[in-house]
Protein backbone atom coordinates (compact mmCIF):
# COMPACT_ATOMS: atom_id res chain seq x y z
CA MET A 1 66.42 165.42 207.63
CA SER A 2 66.68 164.98 203.76
CA ALA A 3 66.65 161.24 204.02
CA PHE A 4 63.90 161.35 206.68
CA VAL A 5 61.71 163.44 204.02
CA GLY A 6 62.75 161.27 201.04
CA GLU A 7 65.24 163.37 199.70
CA GLY A 8 68.08 160.66 199.17
CA ILE A 9 70.26 162.43 196.74
CA SER A 10 70.42 165.60 198.88
CA ALA A 11 71.27 163.51 201.77
CA LEU A 12 74.03 161.66 199.85
CA THR A 13 75.22 164.80 198.58
CA ILE A 14 75.66 166.06 202.23
CA ALA A 15 77.11 163.04 203.47
CA VAL A 16 79.65 162.77 200.58
CA ILE A 17 80.94 166.34 201.29
CA VAL A 18 80.98 165.81 204.99
CA THR A 19 83.07 162.91 204.64
CA ILE A 20 85.73 164.36 202.21
CA SER A 21 86.03 167.43 204.55
CA VAL A 22 86.38 165.19 207.79
CA GLY A 23 88.70 162.82 205.46
CA LEU A 24 91.12 165.40 204.08
CA GLY A 25 91.83 166.64 207.91
CA PHE A 26 92.26 163.18 209.16
CA VAL A 27 94.55 162.06 206.44
CA ASN A 28 96.97 164.80 206.48
CA GLU A 29 97.28 164.82 210.34
CA PHE A 30 97.54 161.03 210.26
CA ARG A 31 100.53 161.29 207.87
CA ALA A 32 102.25 163.91 210.03
CA GLU A 33 101.62 161.74 212.89
CA ARG A 34 103.15 158.71 211.50
CA SER A 35 106.16 160.84 210.28
CA ALA A 36 106.61 161.94 213.55
CA VAL A 37 106.58 158.49 215.06
CA ALA A 38 108.93 157.22 212.24
CA LEU A 39 111.25 159.82 213.03
CA HIS A 40 111.42 159.11 216.64
CA GLU A 41 111.69 155.38 215.84
CA ARG A 42 115.01 156.14 214.22
CA LEU A 43 116.53 157.82 217.32
CA ARG A 44 117.67 154.75 219.54
CA HIS A 45 118.84 155.75 222.91
CA THR A 46 121.15 153.70 225.02
CA ALA A 47 122.47 153.80 228.44
CA VAL A 48 125.41 152.08 230.37
CA VAL A 49 123.76 150.29 233.43
CA LEU A 50 125.60 148.20 236.20
CA ARG A 51 123.76 144.71 236.75
CA ASN A 52 125.54 141.63 238.64
CA GLY A 53 128.65 143.58 238.90
CA ALA A 54 129.20 144.07 235.29
CA ARG A 55 128.72 147.04 232.75
CA SER A 56 126.14 146.44 229.71
CA ARG A 57 124.88 148.97 227.50
CA ILE A 58 120.76 148.62 227.04
CA ASP A 59 118.28 150.43 225.51
CA VAL A 60 116.70 152.90 227.86
CA SER A 61 113.06 151.60 227.67
CA GLY A 62 114.56 148.45 229.46
CA ILE A 63 115.80 150.61 232.80
CA VAL A 64 113.85 149.84 235.57
CA PRO A 65 113.86 151.60 239.19
CA GLY A 66 116.75 150.15 241.19
CA ASP A 67 119.38 150.08 238.30
CA VAL A 68 122.53 151.77 238.81
CA VAL A 69 123.49 154.12 235.50
CA ILE A 70 126.69 155.40 234.82
CA LEU A 71 126.83 158.70 233.38
CA SER A 72 129.71 160.27 230.98
CA VAL A 73 130.05 163.31 229.09
CA GLY A 74 127.60 163.59 226.14
CA ALA A 75 125.14 161.27 227.95
CA VAL A 76 121.52 161.98 227.88
CA VAL A 77 120.11 160.91 231.44
CA PRO A 78 117.86 158.11 230.82
CA ALA A 79 115.90 158.48 234.11
CA ASP A 80 115.48 160.61 237.37
CA LEU A 81 118.87 159.24 239.14
CA ARG A 82 119.78 159.81 242.75
CA LEU A 83 123.49 160.48 242.57
CA ILE A 84 125.85 157.95 244.63
CA ALA A 85 129.26 159.02 243.00
CA THR A 86 130.54 162.21 240.95
CA THR A 87 133.61 163.28 239.58
CA GLY A 88 133.25 166.80 238.30
CA LEU A 89 129.52 166.11 237.13
CA GLU A 90 127.78 168.93 235.17
CA CYS A 91 124.41 168.56 233.60
CA ASP A 92 122.49 170.79 231.38
CA GLU A 93 118.93 171.03 232.45
CA GLY A 94 117.70 173.43 230.18
CA ILE A 95 114.83 171.07 228.69
CA VAL A 96 113.35 170.81 232.57
CA THR A 97 114.10 173.90 233.96
CA GLY A 98 115.00 176.47 230.88
CA GLU A 99 118.31 177.57 232.50
CA SER A 100 121.20 177.47 229.72
CA SER A 101 124.04 177.24 232.37
CA ALA A 102 125.22 173.85 233.28
CA VAL A 103 124.47 172.82 236.93
CA ALA A 104 127.00 171.35 239.15
CA LYS A 105 126.07 168.05 240.67
CA SER A 106 127.08 166.22 243.84
CA THR A 107 125.98 163.51 246.30
CA ASN A 108 124.88 165.82 248.94
CA ALA A 109 121.43 165.48 249.97
CA VAL A 110 119.32 168.47 249.52
CA ALA A 111 116.95 169.42 252.49
CA GLY A 112 113.39 170.50 252.12
CA ALA A 113 111.10 171.01 249.19
CA ALA A 114 113.78 172.16 246.57
CA ALA A 115 112.75 173.31 243.18
CA LEU A 116 114.08 171.31 240.03
CA GLY A 117 117.07 173.77 239.51
CA ASP A 118 118.15 173.01 243.02
CA LEU A 119 118.04 169.39 242.94
CA THR A 120 122.16 169.06 242.97
CA CYS A 121 122.20 165.39 244.20
CA CYS A 122 119.99 164.16 241.37
CA ALA A 123 120.18 163.69 237.53
CA LEU A 124 116.96 164.34 235.77
CA MET A 125 115.82 162.66 232.94
CA GLY A 126 116.44 164.29 229.36
CA THR A 127 119.18 166.54 230.69
CA VAL A 128 122.58 166.12 228.96
CA VAL A 129 126.09 165.49 230.83
CA GLN A 130 128.27 168.41 229.79
CA ALA A 131 131.19 167.68 232.14
CA GLY A 132 132.63 165.00 234.35
CA SER A 133 131.14 161.61 235.13
CA GLY A 134 128.89 159.93 237.90
CA THR A 135 127.00 157.01 238.96
CA GLY A 136 123.30 157.28 240.03
CA LEU A 137 120.64 155.14 241.20
CA VAL A 138 117.17 155.03 239.09
CA VAL A 139 114.37 156.31 241.48
CA ALA A 140 111.70 157.07 238.57
CA THR A 141 111.25 156.04 234.76
CA GLY A 142 108.78 157.16 232.13
CA GLY A 143 106.13 159.44 233.03
CA ASP A 144 107.07 159.06 236.93
CA THR A 145 110.00 161.42 236.05
CA GLU A 146 109.91 165.27 236.19
CA PHE A 147 110.26 165.45 232.14
CA GLY A 148 107.71 162.81 232.03
CA ARG A 149 105.17 164.69 233.99
CA ILE A 150 105.91 167.60 231.82
CA ALA A 151 105.25 165.53 228.64
CA LEU A 152 102.05 163.93 230.09
CA GLY A 153 100.72 167.49 230.93
CA LEU A 154 101.40 168.85 227.68
CA ASP A 155 99.40 166.00 226.12
CA VAL A 156 96.09 166.20 227.97
CA GLN A 157 94.36 168.40 225.85
CA GLU A 158 95.11 170.07 222.66
CA PRO A 159 94.79 174.04 222.95
CA VAL A 160 92.40 175.66 220.49
CA THR A 161 93.97 177.90 218.24
CA GLU A 162 92.58 181.39 217.11
CA PHE A 163 91.62 180.01 213.63
CA GLN A 164 89.66 177.30 215.33
CA ARG A 165 87.83 179.86 217.38
CA GLY A 166 87.26 182.36 214.67
CA LEU A 167 85.78 179.40 212.42
CA GLY A 168 83.79 178.05 215.18
CA GLN A 169 82.29 181.53 215.77
CA PHE A 170 81.55 182.14 212.04
CA SER A 171 79.81 178.59 212.04
CA THR A 172 77.65 179.56 215.07
CA PHE A 173 76.67 182.68 213.38
CA LEU A 174 75.50 180.75 210.19
CA LEU A 175 73.70 178.35 212.36
CA ILE A 176 71.74 181.27 214.14
CA ILE A 177 70.86 182.76 210.84
CA ALA A 178 69.70 179.32 209.31
CA VAL A 179 67.61 178.47 211.99
CA ILE A 180 66.01 181.96 212.07
CA LEU A 181 65.30 182.03 208.44
CA THR A 182 64.18 178.31 208.31
CA SER A 183 61.70 178.67 211.18
CA SER A 184 60.31 181.68 209.88
CA ILE A 185 59.76 180.53 206.40
CA PHE A 186 58.61 177.42 207.66
CA VAL A 187 55.84 179.13 209.79
CA ALA A 188 54.88 181.67 207.15
CA ALA A 189 54.25 178.81 204.61
CA LEU A 190 51.81 176.97 207.13
CA LEU A 191 50.36 180.24 207.72
CA LEU A 192 49.77 180.53 203.81
CA GLY A 193 48.00 177.21 203.90
CA ARG A 194 51.09 175.40 202.31
CA PRO A 195 51.16 171.47 202.87
CA LEU A 196 53.06 170.49 205.83
CA ILE A 197 55.67 168.37 203.68
CA ASP A 198 56.06 170.96 201.13
CA SER A 199 56.61 173.64 203.76
CA LEU A 200 59.23 171.47 205.52
CA LEU A 201 61.14 170.78 202.04
CA PHE A 202 61.14 174.29 201.20
CA SER A 203 62.54 175.29 204.58
CA LEU A 204 65.02 172.56 204.29
CA ALA A 205 66.06 173.56 200.99
CA ILE A 206 66.66 177.16 202.19
CA ALA A 207 68.72 176.10 205.17
CA VAL A 208 70.91 173.94 202.69
CA GLY A 209 71.09 176.97 200.47
CA ILE A 210 72.57 179.39 202.89
CA THR A 211 74.86 176.79 204.32
CA PRO A 212 78.39 176.56 203.05
CA GLN A 213 78.59 172.88 202.72
CA LEU A 214 81.91 172.98 201.20
CA LEU A 215 83.51 175.34 203.64
CA PRO A 216 85.07 172.35 205.89
CA ALA A 217 86.35 170.99 202.64
CA VAL A 218 87.67 174.12 201.25
CA VAL A 219 89.40 174.79 204.77
CA SER A 220 90.80 171.45 205.03
CA ALA A 221 92.24 171.37 201.22
CA SER A 222 93.92 174.94 201.83
CA LEU A 223 95.83 173.77 205.18
CA ALA A 224 96.63 170.44 203.62
CA ALA A 225 98.10 172.35 200.86
CA GLY A 226 100.02 174.47 203.41
CA SER A 227 101.40 171.51 205.08
CA ARG A 228 102.55 169.85 201.87
CA ARG A 229 104.57 173.57 200.98
CA LEU A 230 105.98 173.27 204.63
CA ALA A 231 106.93 169.70 204.14
CA ARG A 232 109.08 170.50 201.16
CA GLN A 233 110.73 173.24 203.36
CA LYS A 234 111.53 170.08 205.76
CA VAL A 235 109.14 171.44 208.37
CA LEU A 236 106.62 168.77 209.84
CA VAL A 237 103.42 169.78 210.81
CA LYS A 238 101.50 167.80 213.36
CA ARG A 239 98.36 169.69 213.56
CA VAL A 240 97.05 171.55 210.11
CA VAL A 241 95.27 173.98 211.96
CA CYS A 242 98.03 175.48 213.29
CA ILE A 243 99.10 176.56 209.91
CA GLU A 244 96.90 179.56 209.72
CA ASP A 245 97.93 180.93 213.11
CA LEU A 246 101.77 180.54 212.08
CA GLY A 247 101.10 182.75 208.98
CA ASP A 248 99.40 185.47 211.35
CA LEU A 249 102.62 185.81 213.30
CA ASP A 250 104.00 189.40 213.08
CA LEU A 251 106.79 188.96 215.81
CA LEU A 252 108.21 185.72 217.50
CA VAL A 253 109.77 186.11 220.98
CA THR A 254 111.71 182.91 222.42
CA ASP A 255 113.05 182.24 225.61
CA LYS A 256 115.60 181.25 226.77
CA THR A 257 119.22 181.32 225.42
CA GLY A 258 120.24 177.85 225.25
CA THR A 259 117.04 176.17 224.75
CA LEU A 260 116.56 177.22 221.02
CA THR A 261 119.87 178.40 220.54
CA THR A 262 123.27 177.16 221.37
CA GLY A 263 123.66 179.43 224.41
CA SER A 264 127.48 179.96 223.73
CA ILE A 265 129.60 182.99 222.67
CA ARG A 266 132.15 182.92 219.71
CA PHE A 267 135.01 185.52 219.34
CA ASP A 268 134.85 186.99 216.12
CA ARG A 269 137.34 189.94 216.00
CA ALA A 270 138.52 192.93 218.23
CA LEU A 271 137.84 196.44 217.08
CA PRO A 272 139.85 199.38 218.48
CA ILE A 273 137.99 201.89 220.68
CA GLU A 274 140.11 204.87 219.25
CA GLY A 275 139.22 206.02 215.67
CA GLU A 276 136.63 203.36 214.63
CA ASP A 277 133.99 204.39 212.29
CA ALA A 278 130.81 204.95 214.46
CA GLU A 279 128.78 203.49 211.67
CA ARG A 280 130.34 200.10 212.01
CA LEU A 281 129.45 199.97 215.73
CA SER A 282 125.90 201.18 215.48
CA PRO A 283 122.93 199.03 216.74
CA ARG A 284 121.94 199.20 212.91
CA THR A 285 124.84 197.76 211.57
CA ALA A 286 124.51 195.25 214.37
CA ARG A 287 121.21 194.08 213.09
CA HIS A 288 122.03 193.97 209.58
CA ARG A 289 125.11 191.68 210.27
CA CYS A 290 123.31 189.37 212.95
CA GLY A 291 119.65 189.70 211.97
CA PRO A 292 116.57 191.14 213.09
CA PRO A 293 116.24 190.96 217.14
CA LEU A 294 113.68 188.70 218.59
C-alpha cells in the first residue's frame, strides 16, 4: 500500500525488515538441516547379502526385495525380512515397539493379523540383533517397511509449537486493533473534510506505527542466538521455534526404559539388612545419588 500511494521509502523499509526477519529464520534452520544431513551421511550402514550363491557386503541402499540377508550379533536389520533360518536369534525392537526386552525370533509363521511385537517370524528394519544369527528374505524396503511408515508419518506435517500459537494469537490481536483504528481514523478524517489521499496516508501511518515491524526480526534473532548457544553444548536444533518450548519445560517424562536409556541393571554393592543406617537407604538419599526422578 505504501508503494501504491507513492511512499517508496516506507515500502522499501518494510520490505527490508520483512526480508531480514524471514532470512534469519531460514538461514538458521537451513544450517541445522545441513548439519543433520552431514551427520547422517557420515554413518554408512552395510549388510551381508547372499547373491548368486556368494556372500557380499553392500550398502543398505542397494538392497531390494528378494535379496537374502544374513544377520549376526550387533547387525542392524536393513529391511523388513521374512526369516527363513534362525539360530537363537533375538532382536531388540525398541525403536519400533518401544519394548526394551529382546524378542526371540523363529521361522514359524504367525497366524492372523498380529501386532508388530508379535511378528516373531519377521525381522523389522531398524531393529538390532542382540543374540544368535539368522537369514531372512527381504519383503519390504525404505518407506514400505514398518519403520519407514512411522518415519513418513512423522514427516507429514510439523506440529505447531506453543510459542508459534502464542505469537500467532498476539499477531492476530495486533491486526484487529490496527484494522479498527485505521478504519476509524480514515472515516473520521473523511467526515472532517480531509482529502482522500491525505486521509489514507495518515491512516496508513497510524497502522505502521502501532505494528511492531521488528517483532519477527527480534524473535528470529533471539531464537538464533539460543540455537548457537545450544550448538556450543553439542545440541543440534533443527527447528528454532522449538527452543522457546524447551525453555518452558518444568518436568520431562520419558518412556520407555531401553529407548532413551540402556535398559540394563548394573550391580553396585550389597548392603546388609540388619544394622544398616536408615538414612543411607532412604529415597531421599537415593535421589541424591542417582539424580532426580523423571
